[in-house]
């Protein structure tokens, strides 16, 4: 009897793990380009699976989680202005009862930096929330290191 119970539990757990796949509808890639001897732009690209979207940095409170960029203080470089984004799609979202701005398919964020050394690595973190028509996944944090050569 105990063997049958153990076997049944094993079969159930194996079957459940097939349905417990972790969704990762956004992949991130990074690049940097020197624009002069003392300045560069870093590019943070999100490639978004069909049917999903991530939100703009600029949302009103009481809505979905905006995309947030955090750059720790560094000796080799400093930020020039804020992280910029392309024009998002803007629609009324009945679930949040407000106008929201988001990106589908792909988005490239840009951050200008002032360089204080020849070789620099821009470090930071981004937080984003991804949704489709049926669900939103919890906000996720991604750390990045972008070499500037």
Protein backbone atom coordinates (compact mmCIF):
# COMPACT_ATOMS: atom_id res chain seq x y z
CA UNK A 1 0.00 0.00 0.00
CA UNK A 2 2.80 2.45 0.88
CA UNK A 3 4.53 1.74 -2.44
CA UNK A 4 1.36 2.60 -4.38
CA UNK A 5 0.90 5.86 -2.46
CA UNK A 6 4.52 6.83 -3.08
CA UNK A 7 4.22 5.96 -6.77
CA UNK A 8 1.00 7.98 -7.09
CA UNK A 9 2.64 11.02 -5.45
CA UNK A 10 5.63 10.74 -7.78
CA UNK A 11 3.39 10.59 -10.86
CA UNK A 12 1.36 13.60 -9.67
CA UNK A 13 4.45 15.68 -8.95
CA UNK A 14 5.99 14.83 -12.32
CA UNK A 15 2.78 15.77 -14.13
CA UNK A 16 2.41 19.01 -12.17
CA UNK A 17 5.96 20.10 -12.97
CA UNK A 18 5.12 20.05 -16.68
CA UNK A 19 2.44 22.68 -16.02
CA UNK A 20 4.58 24.74 -13.64
CA UNK A 21 6.73 26.35 -16.29
CA UNK A 22 8.11 29.76 -15.46
CA UNK A 23 6.95 32.42 -17.88
CA UNK A 24 9.69 34.73 -19.20
CA UNK A 25 7.96 36.81 -21.89
CA UNK A 26 10.68 39.51 -21.92
CA UNK A 27 14.35 39.07 -22.76
CA UNK A 28 16.86 41.88 -22.25
CA UNK A 29 19.94 42.79 -24.25
CA UNK A 30 22.44 45.60 -23.81
CA UNK A 31 24.85 47.69 -25.85
CA UNK A 32 26.82 50.93 -25.56
CA UNK A 33 28.14 53.45 -28.03
CA UNK A 34 30.65 56.20 -27.39
CA UNK A 35 29.39 59.48 -28.78
CA UNK A 36 32.59 61.37 -27.95
CA UNK A 37 35.75 60.83 -25.92
CA UNK A 38 33.87 61.78 -22.75
CA UNK A 39 30.29 60.68 -23.42
CA UNK A 40 28.42 57.50 -24.33
CA UNK A 41 24.89 56.16 -24.61
CA UNK A 42 23.88 52.79 -23.19
CA UNK A 43 21.01 50.93 -24.81
CA UNK A 44 18.75 48.58 -22.85
CA UNK A 45 16.51 46.59 -25.19
CA UNK A 46 13.52 44.55 -24.12
CA UNK A 47 12.26 41.98 -26.61
CA UNK A 48 8.67 41.18 -25.67
CA UNK A 49 6.81 38.01 -26.64
CA UNK A 50 3.72 38.39 -28.83
CA UNK A 51 0.63 39.31 -26.80
CA UNK A 52 2.60 40.70 -23.83
CA UNK A 53 3.58 44.26 -22.91
CA UNK A 54 5.69 46.16 -20.36
CA UNK A 55 4.84 49.54 -18.95
CA UNK A 56 6.38 52.95 -19.45
CA UNK A 57 8.51 54.60 -16.77
CA UNK A 58 5.94 57.37 -16.57
CA UNK A 59 2.66 56.11 -15.10
CA UNK A 60 0.26 57.60 -12.60
CA UNK A 61 0.07 56.15 -9.11
CA UNK A 62 -2.50 53.43 -8.33
CA UNK A 63 -1.89 51.74 -11.67
CA UNK A 64 0.43 49.00 -12.87
CA UNK A 65 4.09 48.99 -11.87
CA UNK A 66 6.15 51.25 -14.12
CA UNK A 67 9.53 50.27 -15.51
CA UNK A 68 12.18 51.67 -13.14
CA UNK A 69 15.92 52.07 -13.76
CA UNK A 70 18.37 52.36 -10.87
CA UNK A 71 22.04 53.22 -11.38
CA UNK A 72 24.31 53.18 -8.31
CA UNK A 73 26.86 55.97 -7.90
CA UNK A 74 30.11 55.24 -9.74
CA UNK A 75 33.58 56.78 -9.91
CA UNK A 76 34.17 56.02 -13.62
CA UNK A 77 31.03 57.66 -14.99
CA UNK A 78 28.01 59.81 -14.13
CA UNK A 79 24.54 59.90 -15.61
CA UNK A 80 23.49 62.69 -17.96
CA UNK A 81 19.79 63.27 -17.44
CA UNK A 82 17.21 60.55 -16.99
CA UNK A 83 16.69 57.32 -18.89
CA UNK A 84 14.73 58.07 -22.06
CA UNK A 85 12.21 55.87 -23.82
CA UNK A 86 10.42 55.93 -27.18
CA UNK A 87 6.81 57.02 -27.41
CA UNK A 88 4.65 54.31 -25.81
CA UNK A 89 1.24 53.08 -26.84
CA UNK A 90 -1.38 54.69 -24.59
CA UNK A 91 -4.81 53.17 -23.92
CA UNK A 92 -7.55 53.23 -21.31
CA UNK A 93 -7.17 50.15 -19.11
CA UNK A 94 -10.48 49.18 -17.45
CA UNK A 95 -8.76 46.93 -14.87
CA UNK A 96 -6.85 49.93 -13.52
CA UNK A 97 -9.58 52.45 -14.45
CA UNK A 98 -6.99 54.76 -15.99
CA UNK A 99 -4.96 55.60 -19.07
CA UNK A 100 -1.77 53.49 -19.20
CA UNK A 101 1.28 53.62 -21.46
CA UNK A 102 3.13 50.50 -22.52
CA UNK A 103 5.37 48.84 -25.10
CA UNK A 104 4.73 45.76 -27.23
CA UNK A 105 7.14 43.61 -29.28
CA UNK A 106 10.30 45.54 -28.34
CA UNK A 107 11.50 48.70 -26.68
CA UNK A 108 14.90 50.39 -26.42
CA UNK A 109 15.63 52.58 -23.40
CA UNK A 110 18.65 54.92 -23.55
CA UNK A 111 20.80 56.42 -20.84
CA UNK A 112 23.53 58.98 -21.59
CA UNK A 113 26.64 58.89 -19.43
CA UNK A 114 29.67 61.12 -18.90
CA UNK A 115 32.84 59.04 -18.95
CA UNK A 116 35.67 59.60 -16.47
CA UNK A 117 37.85 56.72 -17.68
CA UNK A 118 38.74 55.03 -20.97
CA UNK A 119 37.11 51.73 -20.10
CA UNK A 120 33.86 51.86 -18.15
CA UNK A 121 31.17 49.37 -17.19
CA UNK A 122 27.77 50.92 -16.54
CA UNK A 123 26.01 48.94 -13.82
CA UNK A 124 22.40 49.11 -12.84
CA UNK A 125 19.12 47.41 -12.23
CA UNK A 126 15.77 47.58 -13.93
CA UNK A 127 12.41 46.60 -12.51
CA UNK A 128 9.47 45.90 -14.79
CA UNK A 129 6.05 44.29 -14.86
CA UNK A 130 4.80 42.34 -17.86
CA UNK A 131 1.14 41.67 -18.67
CA UNK A 132 -1.01 40.14 -21.37
CA UNK A 133 -4.78 40.30 -21.85
CA UNK A 134 -5.39 37.75 -19.09
CA UNK A 135 -2.70 38.19 -16.45
CA UNK A 136 0.14 40.24 -15.04
CA UNK A 137 3.27 38.63 -13.71
CA UNK A 138 4.81 39.99 -10.49
CA UNK A 139 7.35 42.78 -11.01
CA UNK A 140 10.80 41.40 -11.81
CA UNK A 141 14.25 42.87 -11.19
CA UNK A 142 17.13 42.41 -13.62
CA UNK A 143 20.72 43.55 -12.96
CA UNK A 144 22.93 44.58 -15.83
CA UNK A 145 26.58 45.42 -16.58
CA UNK A 146 27.17 47.22 -19.87
CA UNK A 147 30.80 47.67 -20.97
CA UNK A 148 31.63 50.95 -22.75
CA UNK A 149 34.79 50.67 -24.85
